[in-house]
PDB file of all heavy atoms in Angstrom:
ATOM      1  N   ASN A   1     112.878 105.646  98.163  1.00  0.00           N
ATOM      2  CA  ASN A   1     113.385 106.231  99.406  1.00  0.00           C
ATOM      3  C   ASN A   1     112.192 106.819 100.130  1.00  0.00           C
ATOM      4  O   ASN A   1     111.723 107.897  99.801  1.00  0.00           O
ATOM      5  CB  ASN A   1     114.414 107.320  99.070  1.00  0.00           C
ATOM      6  CG  ASN A   1     115.155 107.810 100.306  1.00  0.00           C
ATOM      7  OD1 ASN A   1     114.547 108.064 101.337  1.00  0.00           O
ATOM      8  ND2 ASN A   1     116.456 107.966 100.186  1.00  0.00           N
ATOM      9  N   PHE A   2     111.689 106.079 101.121  1.00  0.00           N
ATOM     10  CA  PHE A   2     110.445 106.483 101.769  1.00  0.00           C
ATOM     11  C   PHE A   2     110.367 105.835 103.147  1.00  0.00           C
ATOM     12  O   PHE A   2     110.822 104.719 103.357  1.00  0.00           O
ATOM     13  CB  PHE A   2     109.244 106.039 100.922  1.00  0.00           C
ATOM     14  CG  PHE A   2     108.103 107.011 100.884  1.00  0.00           C
ATOM     15  CD1 PHE A   2     108.005 107.953  99.877  1.00  0.00           C
ATOM     16  CD2 PHE A   2     107.134 106.993 101.870  1.00  0.00           C
ATOM     17  CE1 PHE A   2     106.942 108.848  99.835  1.00  0.00           C
ATOM     18  CE2 PHE A   2     106.071 107.874 101.847  1.00  0.00           C
ATOM     19  CZ  PHE A   2     105.976 108.813 100.823  1.00  0.00           C
ATOM     20  N   SER A   3     109.745 106.534 104.089  1.00  0.00           N
ATOM     21  CA  SER A   3     109.575 105.995 105.439  1.00  0.00           C
ATOM     22  C   SER A   3     108.707 104.744 105.416  1.00  0.00           C
ATOM     23  O   SER A   3     107.777 104.634 104.614  1.00  0.00           O
ATOM     24  CB  SER A   3     108.918 107.053 106.338  1.00  0.00           C
ATOM     25  OG  SER A   3     108.522 106.484 107.585  1.00  0.00           O
ATOM     26  N   GLY A   4     109.008 103.817 106.322  1.00  0.00           N
ATOM     27  CA  GLY A   4     108.234 102.589 106.408  1.00  0.00           C
ATOM     28  C   GLY A   4     107.107 102.646 107.414  1.00  0.00           C
ATOM     29  O   GLY A   4     106.498 101.614 107.743  1.00  0.00           O
ATOM     30  N   LYS A   5     106.790 103.841 107.898  1.00  0.00           N
ATOM     31  CA  LYS A   5     105.737 103.966 108.908  1.00  0.00           C
ATOM     32  C   LYS A   5     104.376 103.547 108.379  1.00  0.00           C
ATOM     33  O   LYS A   5     103.508 103.105 109.118  1.00  0.00           O
ATOM     34  CB  LYS A   5     105.675 105.407 109.428  1.00  0.00           C
ATOM     35  CG  LYS A   5     106.871 105.817 110.263  1.00  0.00           C
ATOM     36  CD  LYS A   5     106.732 107.242 110.756  1.00  0.00           C
ATOM     37  CE  LYS A   5     107.928 107.656 111.597  1.00  0.00           C
ATOM     38  NZ  LYS A   5     107.810 109.066 112.075  1.00  0.00           N
ATOM     39  N   SER A   6     104.164 103.729 107.087  1.00  0.00           N
ATOM     40  CA  SER A   6     102.892 103.392 106.465  1.00  0.00           C
ATOM     41  C   SER A   6     103.144 102.703 105.131  1.00  0.00           C
ATOM     42  O   SER A   6     104.189 102.893 104.504  1.00  0.00           O
ATOM     43  CB  SER A   6     102.057 104.662 106.255  1.00  0.00           C
ATOM     44  OG  SER A   6     100.936 104.402 105.423  1.00  0.00           O
ATOM     45  N   LEU A   7     102.179 101.909 104.687  1.00  0.00           N
ATOM     46  CA  LEU A   7     102.282 101.275 103.377  1.00  0.00           C
ATOM     47  C   LEU A   7     101.820 102.200 102.256  1.00  0.00           C
ATOM     48  O   LEU A   7     101.907 101.843 101.076  1.00  0.00           O
ATOM     49  CB  LEU A   7     101.438  99.990 103.334  1.00  0.00           C
ATOM     50  CG  LEU A   7     101.804  98.872 104.318  1.00  0.00           C
ATOM     51  CD1 LEU A   7     101.056  97.600 103.959  1.00  0.00           C
ATOM     52  CD2 LEU A   7     103.299  98.613 104.354  1.00  0.00           C
ATOM     53  N   ASP A   8     101.369 103.370 102.616  1.00  0.00           N
ATOM     54  CA  ASP A   8     100.899 104.342 101.627  1.00  0.00           C
ATOM     55  C   ASP A   8     102.098 105.050 101.001  1.00  0.00           C
ATOM     56  O   ASP A   8     102.379 106.206 101.273  1.00  0.00           O
ATOM     57  CB  ASP A   8      99.958 105.354 102.293  1.00  0.00           C
ATOM     58  CG  ASP A   8      99.299 106.281 101.276  1.00  0.00           C
ATOM     59  OD1 ASP A   8      99.330 105.943 100.084  1.00  0.00           O
ATOM     60  OD2 ASP A   8      98.773 107.330 101.686  1.00  0.00           O
ATOM     61  N   ARG A   9     102.817 104.291 100.135  1.00  0.00           N
ATOM     62  CA  ARG A   9     104.018 104.778  99.479  1.00  0.00           C
ATOM     63  C   ARG A   9     103.863 104.609  97.969  1.00  0.00           C
ATOM     64  O   ARG A   9     103.393 103.556  97.512  1.00  0.00           O
ATOM     65  CB  ARG A   9     105.246 104.004  99.982  1.00  0.00           C
ATOM     66  CG  ARG A   9     105.387 103.988 101.501  1.00  0.00           C
ATOM     67  CD  ARG A   9     106.699 103.371 101.949  1.00  0.00           C
ATOM     68  NE  ARG A   9     106.864 101.988 101.561  1.00  0.00           N
ATOM     69  CZ  ARG A   9     106.537 100.946 102.339  1.00  0.00           C
ATOM     70  NH1 ARG A   9     106.020 101.155 103.543  1.00  0.00           N
ATOM     71  NH2 ARG A   9     106.720  99.707 101.921  1.00  0.00           N
ATOM     72  N   PRO A  10     104.233 105.605  97.174  1.00  0.00           N
ATOM     73  CA  PRO A  10     103.977 105.584  95.731  1.00  0.00           C
ATOM     74  C   PRO A  10     104.472 104.334  95.013  1.00  0.00           C
ATOM     75  O   PRO A  10     103.710 103.677  94.288  1.00  0.00           O
ATOM     76  CB  PRO A  10     104.705 106.838  95.231  1.00  0.00           C
ATOM     77  CG  PRO A  10     104.767 107.741  96.408  1.00  0.00           C
ATOM     78  CD  PRO A  10     104.912 106.853  97.607  1.00  0.00           C
ATOM     79  N   THR A  11     105.748 104.002  95.191  1.00  0.00           N
ATOM     80  CA  THR A  11     106.314 102.864  94.470  1.00  0.00           C
ATOM     81  C   THR A  11     105.761 101.540  94.982  1.00  0.00           C
ATOM     82  O   THR A  11     105.501 100.612  94.205  1.00  0.00           O
ATOM     83  CB  THR A  11     107.851 102.874  94.578  1.00  0.00           C
ATOM     84  OG1 THR A  11     108.342 104.116  94.059  1.00  0.00           O
ATOM     85  CG2 THR A  11     108.484 101.733  93.816  1.00  0.00           C
ATOM     86  N   PHE A  12     105.574 101.464  96.272  1.00  0.00           N
ATOM     87  CA  PHE A  12     105.002 100.249  96.871  1.00  0.00           C
ATOM     88  C   PHE A  12     103.596  99.998  96.328  1.00  0.00           C
ATOM     89  O   PHE A  12     103.240  98.866  95.974  1.00  0.00           O
ATOM     90  CB  PHE A  12     104.975 100.378  98.388  1.00  0.00           C
ATOM     91  CG  PHE A  12     104.471  99.150  99.097  1.00  0.00           C
ATOM     92  CD1 PHE A  12     105.314  98.080  99.339  1.00  0.00           C
ATOM     93  CD2 PHE A  12     103.147  99.058  99.497  1.00  0.00           C
ATOM     94  CE1 PHE A  12     104.845  96.931  99.985  1.00  0.00           C
ATOM     95  CE2 PHE A  12     102.669  97.921 100.140  1.00  0.00           C
ATOM     96  CZ  PHE A  12     103.520  96.860 100.384  1.00  0.00           C
ATOM     97  N   LEU A  13     102.787 101.050  96.251  1.00  0.00           N
ATOM     98  CA  LEU A  13     101.424 100.920  95.735  1.00  0.00           C
ATOM     99  C   LEU A  13     101.435 100.541  94.253  1.00  0.00           C
ATOM    100  O   LEU A  13     100.576  99.785  93.794  1.00  0.00           O
ATOM    101  CB  LEU A  13     100.651 102.218  95.949  1.00  0.00           C
ATOM    102  CG  LEU A  13     100.373 102.602  97.411  1.00  0.00           C
ATOM    103  CD1 LEU A  13      99.671 103.954  97.491  1.00  0.00           C
ATOM    104  CD2 LEU A  13      99.538 101.529  98.102  1.00  0.00           C
ATOM    105  N   ALA A  14     102.425 101.074  93.520  1.00  0.00           N
ATOM    106  CA  ALA A  14     102.547 100.726  92.102  1.00  0.00           C
ATOM    107  C   ALA A  14     102.832  99.234  91.941  1.00  0.00           C
ATOM    108  O   ALA A  14     102.258  98.563  91.074  1.00  0.00           O
ATOM    109  CB  ALA A  14     103.652 101.553  91.452  1.00  0.00           C
ATOM    110  N   LEU A  15     103.725  98.705  92.782  1.00  0.00           N
ATOM    111  CA  LEU A  15     104.030  97.270  92.757  1.00  0.00           C
ATOM    112  C   LEU A  15     102.792  96.459  93.109  1.00  0.00           C
ATOM    113  O   LEU A  15     102.478  95.452  92.451  1.00  0.00           O
ATOM    114  CB  LEU A  15     105.163  96.967  93.742  1.00  0.00           C
ATOM    115  CG  LEU A  15     105.462  95.480  93.988  1.00  0.00           C
ATOM    116  CD1 LEU A  15     105.893  94.799  92.693  1.00  0.00           C
ATOM    117  CD2 LEU A  15     106.531  95.324  95.067  1.00  0.00           C
ATOM    118  N   LYS A  16     102.092  96.906  94.123  1.00  0.00           N
ATOM    119  CA  LYS A  16     100.885  96.212  94.568  1.00  0.00           C
ATOM    120  C   LYS A  16      99.852  96.109  93.447  1.00  0.00           C
ATOM    121  O   LYS A  16      99.149  95.098  93.318  1.00  0.00           O
ATOM    122  CB  LYS A  16     100.296  96.964  95.768  1.00  0.00           C
ATOM    123  CG  LYS A  16      99.084  96.324  96.402  1.00  0.00           C
ATOM    124  CD  LYS A  16      98.655  97.132  97.613  1.00  0.00           C
ATOM    125  CE  LYS A  16      97.362  96.596  98.192  1.00  0.00           C
ATOM    126  NZ  LYS A  16      96.929  97.403  99.370  1.00  0.00           N
ATOM    127  N   ASN A  17      99.803  97.129  92.616  1.00  0.00           N
ATOM    128  CA  ASN A  17      98.818  97.160  91.532  1.00  0.00           C
ATOM    129  C   ASN A  17      99.233  96.336  90.317  1.00  0.00           C
ATOM    130  O   ASN A  17      98.384  95.927  89.526  1.00  0.00           O
ATOM    131  CB  ASN A  17      98.559  98.609  91.099  1.00  0.00           C
ATOM    132  CG  ASN A  17      97.808  99.414  92.147  1.00  0.00           C
ATOM    133  OD1 ASN A  17      97.037  98.852  92.927  1.00  0.00           O
ATOM    134  ND2 ASN A  17      98.039 100.720  92.172  1.00  0.00           N
ATOM    135  N   VAL A  18     100.540  96.089  90.165  1.00  0.00           N
ATOM    136  CA  VAL A  18     101.014  95.431  88.954  1.00  0.00           C
ATOM    137  C   VAL A  18     101.117  93.913  89.093  1.00  0.00           C
ATOM    138  O   VAL A  18     101.109  93.193  88.084  1.00  0.00           O
ATOM    139  CB  VAL A  18     102.381  96.021  88.521  1.00  0.00           C
ATOM    140  CG1 VAL A  18     103.519  95.436  89.341  1.00  0.00           C
ATOM    141  CG2 VAL A  18     102.624  95.797  87.030  1.00  0.00           C
ATOM    142  N   VAL A  19     101.217  93.417  90.321  1.00  0.00           N
ATOM    143  CA  VAL A  19     101.397  91.973  90.502  1.00  0.00           C
ATOM    144  C   VAL A  19     100.120  91.207  90.147  1.00  0.00           C
ATOM    145  O   VAL A  19      99.006  91.698  90.327  1.00  0.00           O
ATOM    146  CB  VAL A  19     101.816  91.622  91.953  1.00  0.00           C
ATOM    147  CG1 VAL A  19     103.212  92.112  92.238  1.00  0.00           C
ATOM    148  CG2 VAL A  19     100.826  92.172  92.969  1.00  0.00           C
ATOM    149  N   ASN A  20     100.327  89.999  89.636  1.00  0.00           N
ATOM    150  CA  ASN A  20      99.221  89.127  89.255  1.00  0.00           C
ATOM    151  C   ASN A  20      99.378  87.754  89.898  1.00  0.00           C
ATOM    152  O   ASN A  20     100.444  87.431  90.463  1.00  0.00           O
ATOM    153  CB  ASN A  20      99.155  88.969  87.730  1.00  0.00           C
ATOM    154  CG  ASN A  20      98.836  90.274  87.027  1.00  0.00           C
ATOM    155  OD1 ASN A  20      97.813  90.897  87.313  1.00  0.00           O
ATOM    156  ND2 ASN A  20      99.705  90.691  86.101  1.00  0.00           N
ATOM    157  N   SER A  21      98.348  86.961  89.807  1.00  0.00           N
ATOM    158  CA  SER A  21      98.379  85.603  90.354  1.00  0.00           C
ATOM    159  C   SER A  21      99.572  84.828  89.797  1.00  0.00           C
ATOM    160  O   SER A  21      99.849  84.858  88.591  1.00  0.00           O
ATOM    161  CB  SER A  21      97.078  84.878  89.987  1.00  0.00           C
ATOM    162  OG  SER A  21      97.116  83.531  90.396  1.00  0.00           O
ATOM    163  N   GLY A  22     100.315  84.175  90.709  1.00  0.00           N
ATOM    164  CA  GLY A  22     101.486  83.407  90.316  1.00  0.00           C
ATOM    165  C   GLY A  22     102.790  84.171  90.404  1.00  0.00           C
ATOM    166  O   GLY A  22     103.868  83.587  90.281  1.00  0.00           O
ATOM    167  N   ASP A  23     102.718  85.488  90.609  1.00  0.00           N
ATOM    168  CA  ASP A  23     103.939  86.299  90.724  1.00  0.00           C
ATOM    169  C   ASP A  23     104.611  86.091  92.074  1.00  0.00           C
ATOM    170  O   ASP A  23     103.991  85.652  93.051  1.00  0.00           O
ATOM    171  CB  ASP A  23     103.613  87.786  90.554  1.00  0.00           C
ATOM    172  CG  ASP A  23     103.369  88.173  89.104  1.00  0.00           C
ATOM    173  OD1 ASP A  23     103.766  87.389  88.224  1.00  0.00           O
ATOM    174  OD2 ASP A  23     102.770  89.234  88.858  1.00  0.00           O
ATOM    175  N   THR A  24     105.896  86.450  92.119  1.00  0.00           N
ATOM    176  CA  THR A  24     106.674  86.377  93.363  1.00  0.00           C
ATOM    177  C   THR A  24     107.419  87.686  93.567  1.00  0.00           C
ATOM    178  O   THR A  24     108.084  88.173  92.654  1.00  0.00           O
ATOM    179  CB  THR A  24     107.702  85.218  93.314  1.00  0.00           C
ATOM    180  OG1 THR A  24     107.000  83.984  93.156  1.00  0.00           O
ATOM    181  CG2 THR A  24     108.526  85.176  94.596  1.00  0.00           C
ATOM    182  N   ILE A  25     107.290  88.222  94.761  1.00  0.00           N
ATOM    183  CA  ILE A  25     108.006  89.445  95.151  1.00  0.00           C
ATOM    184  C   ILE A  25     109.115  89.054  96.119  1.00  0.00           C
ATOM    185  O   ILE A  25     108.899  88.247  97.031  1.00  0.00           O
ATOM    186  CB  ILE A  25     107.066  90.449  95.859  1.00  0.00           C
ATOM    187  CG1 ILE A  25     105.896  90.828  94.946  1.00  0.00           C
ATOM    188  CG2 ILE A  25     107.835  91.697  96.297  1.00  0.00           C
ATOM    189  CD1 ILE A  25     104.804  91.611  95.671  1.00  0.00           C
ATOM    190  N   VAL A  26     110.304  89.639  95.932  1.00  0.00           N
ATOM    191  CA  VAL A  26     111.414  89.395  96.860  1.00  0.00           C
ATOM    192  C   VAL A  26     111.806  90.704  97.547  1.00  0.00           C
ATOM    193  O   VAL A  26     111.929  91.745  96.897  1.00  0.00           O
ATOM    194  CB  VAL A  26     112.644  88.813  96.135  1.00  0.00           C
ATOM    195  CG1 VAL A  26     113.860  88.796  97.067  1.00  0.00           C
ATOM    196  CG2 VAL A  26     112.366  87.399  95.678  1.00  0.00           C
ATOM    197  N   VAL A  27     111.998  90.635  98.871  1.00  0.00           N
ATOM    198  CA  VAL A  27     112.528  91.762  99.645  1.00  0.00           C
ATOM    199  C   VAL A  27     113.714  91.260 100.446  1.00  0.00           C
ATOM    200  O   VAL A  27     113.809  90.068 100.756  1.00  0.00           O
ATOM    201  CB  VAL A  27     111.469  92.369 100.594  1.00  0.00           C
ATOM    202  CG1 VAL A  27     110.338  93.024  99.826  1.00  0.00           C
ATOM    203  CG2 VAL A  27     110.920  91.308 101.556  1.00  0.00           C
TER     204      VAL A  27
END
């Protein structure tokens, strides 16, 4: 639960750090 004004969001950054080559993210 976070504003979308910036990508500097805790959970979003955590996802960004965990993904690897070949992964797929769905929104």
